Amino acid sequence: MSLLPSMITRNALAIVLAAGAAVRFGRQKLLADVNGVPMLERTIQSLLAAHISRVVVVLPSGTDYPTVSSLTAANVVVVANPDPSRGMFSSIQVAFLSAHRGTPLVILPGDMPFVRAATIAFLFDAQGDAGGIVMPRYRGQRGHPVVMAPALRAPVIAAPSDANLRDVLHSSGVAIHEVEVDDGGVVRDVDIRSDLEPMSE
């Protein structure tokens, strides 16, 4: 894997899922400080640094995060999930409606601020080579982001809102490729405050 992503713009729609209730962490999880930067800002910046062409951030209706400056970037779009209580899959469906046909799709939860830009670029490029769906694996554990072929847009939108992404992907019949990466950030989501503490090797 290259240490830095190439400067080539990657024509894809990246979806940042940021409409969850964060019950275990407490309010304002996505604004928690991660090395001096709000968590959500850091997650978005990883995608932008990977030169993903368009980023859609899914927030609850009426949410305003003025300290997350990337939300106003030219290639970042904020969309609202009117009912996040339906679950994460409903946020994915809301975002997929913004996707242009023929565009690869990258899904990254907003509470995963430690994924490296180089890893995102590597996975995107791997999906272009392999086709289908590409998932990262770190020390045997599956993680995020998930990169999908454009053909997955329609079945995801058509699925019932109480479905989950894993079942929809498996039922699609599209090949799933797991790619080993040297990046613990792909399995490091932040659910509780101690998840922000440095990882031990």
C-alpha atoms as a PDB file:
ATOM      1  CA  MET A   1       0.000   0.000   0.000  1.00  0.00           C
ATOM      2  CA  SER A   2       1.305   3.472  -0.861  1.00  0.00           C
ATOM      3  CA  LEU A   3       2.009   5.694   2.127  1.00  0.00           C
ATOM      4  CA  LEU A   4       0.112   8.539   0.491  1.00  0.00           C
ATOM      5  CA  PRO A   5      -2.874   8.520  -1.878  1.00  0.00           C
ATOM      6  CA  SER A   6      -2.183   9.748  -5.381  1.00  0.00           C
ATOM      7  CA  MET A   7      -3.433  13.226  -6.303  1.00  0.00           C
ATOM      8  CA  ILE A   8      -5.799  11.736  -8.908  1.00  0.00           C
ATOM      9  CA  THR A   9      -9.440  12.535  -8.140  1.00  0.00           C
ATOM     10  CA  ARG A  10     -11.369   9.344  -7.444  1.00  0.00           C
ATOM     11  CA  ASN A  11     -14.824   9.576  -9.019  1.00  0.00           C
ATOM     12  CA  ALA A  12     -16.945   8.162  -6.226  1.00  0.00           C
ATOM     13  CA  LEU A  13     -19.633   9.066  -3.752  1.00  0.00           C
ATOM     14  CA  ALA A  14     -18.497   8.683  -0.156  1.00  0.00           C
ATOM     15  CA  ILE A  15     -21.204   8.432   2.474  1.00  0.00           C
ATOM     16  CA  VAL A  16     -20.511   9.464   6.055  1.00  0.00           C
ATOM     17  CA  LEU A  17     -23.123   8.058   8.427  1.00  0.00           C
ATOM     18  CA  ALA A  18     -23.616  10.607  11.191  1.00  0.00           C
ATOM     19  CA  ALA A  19     -27.283  10.372  12.169  1.00  0.00           C
ATOM     20  CA  GLY A  20     -27.017   7.921  15.076  1.00  0.00           C
ATOM     21  CA  ALA A  21     -28.132   8.729  18.602  1.00  0.00           C
ATOM     22  CA  ALA A  22     -24.745   7.973  20.257  1.00  0.00           C
ATOM     23  CA  VAL A  23     -26.529   6.618  23.326  1.00  0.00           C
ATOM     24  CA  ARG A  24     -23.484   4.890  24.843  1.00  0.00           C
ATOM     25  CA  PHE A  25     -21.120   7.833  24.370  1.00  0.00           C
ATOM     26  CA  GLY A  26     -23.463  10.670  25.257  1.00  0.00           C
ATOM     27  CA  ARG A  27     -24.570  13.752  23.399  1.00  0.00           C
ATOM     28  CA  GLN A  28     -22.366  15.430  20.786  1.00  0.00           C
ATOM     29  CA  LYS A  29     -20.190  12.368  20.193  1.00  0.00           C
ATOM     30  CA  LEU A  30     -19.274  13.520  16.705  1.00  0.00           C
ATOM     31  CA  LEU A  31     -17.904  16.772  18.114  1.00  0.00           C
ATOM     32  CA  ALA A  32     -15.617  14.989  20.589  1.00  0.00           C
ATOM     33  CA  ASP A  33     -12.004  16.102  20.378  1.00  0.00           C
ATOM     34  CA  VAL A  34      -9.694  13.804  18.413  1.00  0.00           C
ATOM     35  CA  ASN A  35      -6.184  15.254  18.505  1.00  0.00           C
ATOM     36  CA  GLY A  36      -7.559  18.792  18.486  1.00  0.00           C
ATOM     37  CA  VAL A  37     -10.153  18.202  15.754  1.00  0.00           C
ATOM     38  CA  PRO A  38     -13.863  17.304  16.055  1.00  0.00           C
ATOM     39  CA  MET A  39     -14.373  13.614  15.344  1.00  0.00           C
ATOM     40  CA  LEU A  40     -16.690  14.176  12.391  1.00  0.00           C
ATOM     41  CA  GLU A  41     -14.292  16.715  10.871  1.00  0.00           C
ATOM     42  CA  ARG A  42     -11.465  14.217  11.025  1.00  0.00           C
ATOM     43  CA  THR A  43     -13.564  11.487   9.378  1.00  0.00           C
ATOM     44  CA  ILE A  44     -14.589  13.765   6.503  1.00  0.00           C
ATOM     45  CA  GLN A  45     -11.040  15.035   6.064  1.00  0.00           C
ATOM     46  CA  SER A  46      -9.767  11.472   5.610  1.00  0.00           C
ATOM     47  CA  LEU A  47     -12.104  11.052   2.638  1.00  0.00           C
ATOM     48  CA  LEU A  48     -11.190  14.427   1.162  1.00  0.00           C
ATOM     49  CA  ALA A  49      -7.478  13.656   1.571  1.00  0.00           C
ATOM     50  CA  ALA A  50      -8.080  10.430  -0.378  1.00  0.00           C
ATOM     51  CA  HIS A  51      -9.362  12.663  -3.230  1.00  0.00           C
ATOM     52  CA  ILE A  52     -12.871  11.202  -3.254  1.00  0.00           C
ATOM     53  CA  SER A  53     -14.835  13.448  -5.610  1.00  0.00           C
ATOM     54  CA  ARG A  54     -18.033  13.839  -3.567  1.00  0.00           C
ATOM     55  CA  VAL A  55     -18.875  13.292   0.095  1.00  0.00           C
ATOM     56  CA  VAL A  56     -22.426  13.068   1.436  1.00  0.00           C
ATOM     57  CA  VAL A  57     -22.823  13.430   5.196  1.00  0.00           C
ATOM     58  CA  VAL A  58     -26.092  12.104   6.631  1.00  0.00           C
ATOM     59  CA  LEU A  59     -27.247  13.978   9.744  1.00  0.00           C
ATOM     60  CA  PRO A  60     -30.500  14.016  11.721  1.00  0.00           C
ATOM     61  CA  SER A  61     -32.961  16.697  10.611  1.00  0.00           C
ATOM     62  CA  GLY A  62     -32.277  20.051  12.239  1.00  0.00           C
ATOM     63  CA  THR A  63     -28.680  19.258  13.228  1.00  0.00           C
ATOM     64  CA  ASP A  64     -26.084  22.008  12.990  1.00  0.00           C
ATOM     65  CA  TYR A  65     -22.375  21.394  13.570  1.00  0.00           C
ATOM     66  CA  PRO A  66     -20.750  24.832  13.056  1.00  0.00           C
ATOM     67  CA  THR A  67     -17.363  23.637  14.345  1.00  0.00           C
ATOM     68  CA  VAL A  68     -17.138  21.016  11.560  1.00  0.00           C
ATOM     69  CA  SER A  69     -15.797  23.253   8.824  1.00  0.00           C
ATOM     70  CA  SER A  70     -15.641  20.504   6.182  1.00  0.00           C
ATOM     71  CA  LEU A  71     -19.440  20.437   6.034  1.00  0.00           C
ATOM     72  CA  THR A  72     -19.260  23.616   3.964  1.00  0.00           C
ATOM     73  CA  ALA A  73     -16.586  22.357   1.542  1.00  0.00           C
ATOM     74  CA  ALA A  74     -17.482  22.568  -2.141  1.00  0.00           C
ATOM     75  CA  ASN A  75     -17.608  18.799  -2.672  1.00  0.00           C
ATOM     76  CA  VAL A  76     -19.368  17.963   0.622  1.00  0.00           C
ATOM     77  CA  VAL A  77     -23.166  17.739   0.745  1.00  0.00           C
ATOM     78  CA  VAL A  78     -25.267  17.401   3.895  1.00  0.00           C
ATOM     79  CA  VAL A  79     -28.505  15.441   3.677  1.00  0.00           C
ATOM     80  CA  ALA A  80     -31.011  14.830   6.464  1.00  0.00           C
ATOM     81  CA  ASN A  81     -32.408  11.524   7.594  1.00  0.00           C
ATOM     82  CA  PRO A  82     -35.915  12.505   8.737  1.00  0.00           C
ATOM     83  CA  ASP A  83     -36.203   9.451  10.990  1.00  0.00           C
ATOM     84  CA  PRO A  84     -32.806   8.098  12.144  1.00  0.00           C
ATOM     85  CA  SER A  85     -34.582   5.822  14.632  1.00  0.00           C
ATOM     86  CA  ARG A  86     -35.174   3.477  11.689  1.00  0.00           C
ATOM     87  CA  GLY A  87     -31.484   2.573  11.905  1.00  0.00           C
ATOM     88  CA  MET A  88     -28.222   3.046  10.034  1.00  0.00           C
ATOM     89  CA  PHE A  89     -29.480   1.364   6.877  1.00  0.00           C
ATOM     90  CA  SER A  90     -32.101   4.079   6.433  1.00  0.00           C
ATOM     91  CA  SER A  91     -29.301   6.669   6.398  1.00  0.00           C
ATOM     92  CA  ILE A  92     -27.501   4.674   3.713  1.00  0.00           C
ATOM     93  CA  GLN A  93     -30.660   4.668   1.608  1.00  0.00           C
ATOM     94  CA  VAL A  94     -31.099   8.440   2.022  1.00  0.00           C
ATOM     95  CA  ALA A  95     -27.532   8.985   0.845  1.00  0.00           C
ATOM     96  CA  PHE A  96     -27.776   6.538  -2.064  1.00  0.00           C
ATOM     97  CA  LEU A  97     -30.596   8.612  -3.489  1.00  0.00           C
ATOM     98  CA  SER A  98     -27.936  11.308  -4.008  1.00  0.00           C
ATOM     99  CA  ALA A  99     -25.652   8.956  -5.917  1.00  0.00           C
ATOM    100  CA  HIS A 100     -25.335   9.230  -9.668  1.00  0.00           C
ATOM    101  CA  ARG A 101     -25.757   5.999 -11.588  1.00  0.00           C
ATOM    102  CA  GLY A 102     -22.388   4.570 -12.519  1.00  0.00           C
ATOM    103  CA  THR A 103     -20.604   6.003  -9.478  1.00  0.00           C
ATOM    104  CA  PRO A 104     -18.752   3.720  -7.028  1.00  0.00           C
ATOM    105  CA  LEU A 105     -19.924   4.075  -3.435  1.00  0.00           C
ATOM    106  CA  VAL A 106     -17.810   4.352  -0.290  1.00  0.00           C
ATOM    107  CA  ILE A 107     -19.459   3.955   3.128  1.00  0.00           C
ATOM    108  CA  LEU A 108     -17.738   5.165   6.301  1.00  0.00           C
ATOM    109  CA  PRO A 109     -19.416   5.716   9.681  1.00  0.00           C
ATOM    110  CA  GLY A 110     -18.824   9.175  11.114  1.00  0.00           C
ATOM    111  CA  ASP A 111     -17.466   7.710  14.339  1.00  0.00           C
ATOM    112  CA  MET A 112     -14.441   6.133  12.630  1.00  0.00           C
ATOM    113  CA  PRO A 113     -11.964   9.042  12.610  1.00  0.00           C
ATOM    114  CA  PHE A 114      -8.801   6.929  12.614  1.00  0.00           C
ATOM    115  CA  VAL A 115      -9.020   5.454   9.089  1.00  0.00           C
ATOM    116  CA  ARG A 116      -6.078   6.700   7.044  1.00  0.00           C
ATOM    117  CA  ALA A 117      -6.633   8.509   3.757  1.00  0.00           C
ATOM    118  CA  ALA A 118      -4.122   6.158   2.116  1.00  0.00           C
ATOM    119  CA  THR A 119      -6.235   3.172   3.190  1.00  0.00           C
ATOM    120  CA  ILE A 120      -9.383   4.686   1.668  1.00  0.00           C
ATOM    121  CA  ALA A 121      -7.560   5.344  -1.600  1.00  0.00           C
ATOM    122  CA  PHE A 122      -6.117   1.829  -1.611  1.00  0.00           C
ATOM    123  CA  LEU A 123      -9.534   0.227  -1.087  1.00  0.00           C
ATOM    124  CA  PHE A 124     -11.136   2.368  -3.784  1.00  0.00           C
ATOM    125  CA  ASP A 125      -8.428   1.405  -6.250  1.00  0.00           C
ATOM    126  CA  ALA A 126      -8.767  -2.255  -5.223  1.00  0.00           C
ATOM    127  CA  GLN A 127     -12.499  -2.158  -5.938  1.00  0.00           C
ATOM    128  CA  GLY A 128     -11.773  -0.762  -9.379  1.00  0.00           C
ATOM    129  CA  ASP A 129      -9.501  -3.718 -10.059  1.00  0.00           C
ATOM    130  CA  ALA A 130     -11.618  -6.458  -8.486  1.00  0.00           C
ATOM    131  CA  GLY A 131     -15.153  -5.149  -9.048  1.00  0.00           C
ATOM    132  CA  GLY A 132     -18.026  -5.992  -6.737  1.00  0.00           C
ATOM    133  CA  ILE A 133     -17.609  -5.104  -3.065  1.00  0.00           C
ATOM    134  CA  VAL A 134     -14.340  -4.521  -1.229  1.00  0.00           C
ATOM    135  CA  MET A 135     -14.044  -4.614   2.558  1.00  0.00           C
ATOM    136  CA  PRO A 136     -10.886  -4.049   4.592  1.00  0.00           C
ATOM    137  CA  ARG A 137      -9.677  -6.625   7.079  1.00  0.00           C
ATOM    138  CA  TYR A 138      -7.274  -5.909   9.928  1.00  0.00           C
ATOM    139  CA  ARG A 139      -5.842  -8.846  11.867  1.00  0.00           C
ATOM    140  CA  GLY A 140      -8.732 -11.026  10.781  1.00  0.00           C
ATOM    141  CA  GLN A 141     -11.478  -8.531  11.616  1.00  0.00           C
ATOM    142  CA  ARG A 142     -13.666  -6.895   8.966  1.00  0.00           C
ATOM    143  CA  GLY A 143     -13.922  -3.137   9.043  1.00  0.00           C
ATOM    144  CA  HIS A 144     -14.790   0.051   7.149  1.00  0.00           C
ATOM    145  CA  PRO A 145     -14.955   1.728   4.728  1.00  0.00           C
ATOM    146  CA  VAL A 146     -16.862  -0.573   2.420  1.00  0.00           C
ATOM    147  CA  VAL A 147     -16.440   0.230  -1.281  1.00  0.00           C
ATOM    148  CA  MET A 148     -19.166  -0.928  -3.661  1.00  0.00           C
ATOM    149  CA  ALA A 149     -19.747  -1.150  -7.367  1.00  0.00           C
ATOM    150  CA  PRO A 150     -22.392   1.219  -8.815  1.00  0.00           C
ATOM    151  CA  ALA A 151     -24.726  -1.729  -9.447  1.00  0.00           C
ATOM    152  CA  LEU A 152     -25.404  -1.965  -5.685  1.00  0.00           C
ATOM    153  CA  ARG A 153     -27.183   1.398  -5.630  1.00  0.00           C
ATOM    154  CA  ALA A 154     -30.526   0.088  -6.919  1.00  0.00           C
ATOM    155  CA  PRO A 155     -30.919  -2.965  -4.623  1.00  0.00           C
ATOM    156  CA  VAL A 156     -29.976  -0.911  -1.563  1.00  0.00           C
ATOM    157  CA  ILE A 157     -32.565   1.766  -2.373  1.00  0.00           C
ATOM    158  CA  ALA A 158     -35.214  -0.884  -3.101  1.00  0.00           C
ATOM    159  CA  ALA A 159     -34.673  -2.824   0.144  1.00  0.00           C
ATOM    160  CA  PRO A 160     -37.027  -2.291   3.112  1.00  0.00           C
ATOM    161  CA  SER A 161     -35.750   0.319   5.565  1.00  0.00           C
ATOM    162  CA  ASP A 162     -35.549  -2.250   8.362  1.00  0.00           C
ATOM    163  CA  ALA A 163     -33.051  -4.330   6.372  1.00  0.00           C
ATOM    164  CA  ASN A 164     -29.319  -4.228   7.042  1.00  0.00           C
ATOM    165  CA  LEU A 165     -26.487  -3.622   4.622  1.00  0.00           C
ATOM    166  CA  ARG A 166     -24.785  -6.965   5.175  1.00  0.00           C
ATOM    167  CA  ASP A 167     -27.885  -8.966   4.210  1.00  0.00           C
ATOM    168  CA  VAL A 168     -28.576  -6.806   1.164  1.00  0.00           C
ATOM    169  CA  LEU A 169     -25.005  -7.163  -0.077  1.00  0.00           C
ATOM    170  CA  HIS A 170     -24.987 -10.924   0.386  1.00  0.00           C
ATOM    171  CA  SER A 171     -28.363 -11.366  -1.319  1.00  0.00           C
ATOM    172  CA  SER A 172     -27.220  -9.253  -4.284  1.00  0.00           C
ATOM    173  CA  GLY A 173     -24.973 -12.048  -5.509  1.00  0.00           C
ATOM    174  CA  VAL A 174     -22.164  -9.550  -6.128  1.00  0.00           C
ATOM    175  CA  ALA A 175     -18.704 -10.828  -5.213  1.00  0.00           C
ATOM    176  CA  ILE A 176     -17.314  -9.624  -1.876  1.00  0.00           C
ATOM    177  CA  HIS A 177     -13.539  -9.229  -1.632  1.00  0.00           C
ATOM    178  CA  GLU A 178     -11.789  -8.859   1.720  1.00  0.00           C
ATOM    179  CA  VAL A 179      -8.494  -6.990   1.543  1.00  0.00           C
ATOM    180  CA  GLU A 180      -5.929  -7.109   4.337  1.00  0.00           C
ATOM    181  CA  VAL A 181      -4.695  -3.660   5.387  1.00  0.00           C
ATOM    182  CA  ASP A 182      -2.133  -2.458   7.915  1.00  0.00           C
ATOM    183  CA  ASP A 183      -4.445   0.132   9.436  1.00  0.00           C
ATOM    184  CA  GLY A 184      -6.107  -0.486  12.783  1.00  0.00           C
ATOM    185  CA  GLY A 185      -8.361   2.499  12.137  1.00  0.00           C
ATOM    186  CA  VAL A 186     -10.602   0.381   9.900  1.00  0.00           C
ATOM    187  CA  VAL A 187     -11.875  -1.532  12.949  1.00  0.00           C
ATOM    188  CA  ARG A 188     -11.703   1.343  15.437  1.00  0.00           C
ATOM    189  CA  ASP A 189     -15.165   2.845  15.837  1.00  0.00           C
ATOM    190  CA  VAL A 190     -15.889   5.126  18.789  1.00  0.00           C
ATOM    191  CA  ASP A 191     -18.800   3.937  20.915  1.00  0.00           C
ATOM    192  CA  ILE A 192     -17.677   5.034  24.392  1.00  0.00           C
ATOM    193  CA  ARG A 193     -15.222   7.678  25.591  1.00  0.00           C
ATOM    194  CA  SER A 194     -12.450   5.175  26.326  1.00  0.00           C
ATOM    195  CA  ASP A 195     -12.408   4.290  22.602  1.00  0.00           C
ATOM    196  CA  LEU A 196     -10.612   7.602  22.048  1.00  0.00           C
ATOM    197  CA  GLU A 197      -7.657   6.494  24.155  1.00  0.00           C
ATOM    198  CA  PRO A 198      -4.477   5.457  22.285  1.00  0.00           C
ATOM    199  CA  MET A 199      -4.496   1.860  21.084  1.00  0.00           C
ATOM    200  CA  SER A 200      -1.949  -0.576  22.481  1.00  0.00           C
ATOM    201  CA  GLU A 201      -0.048  -2.633  19.945  1.00  0.00           C
END
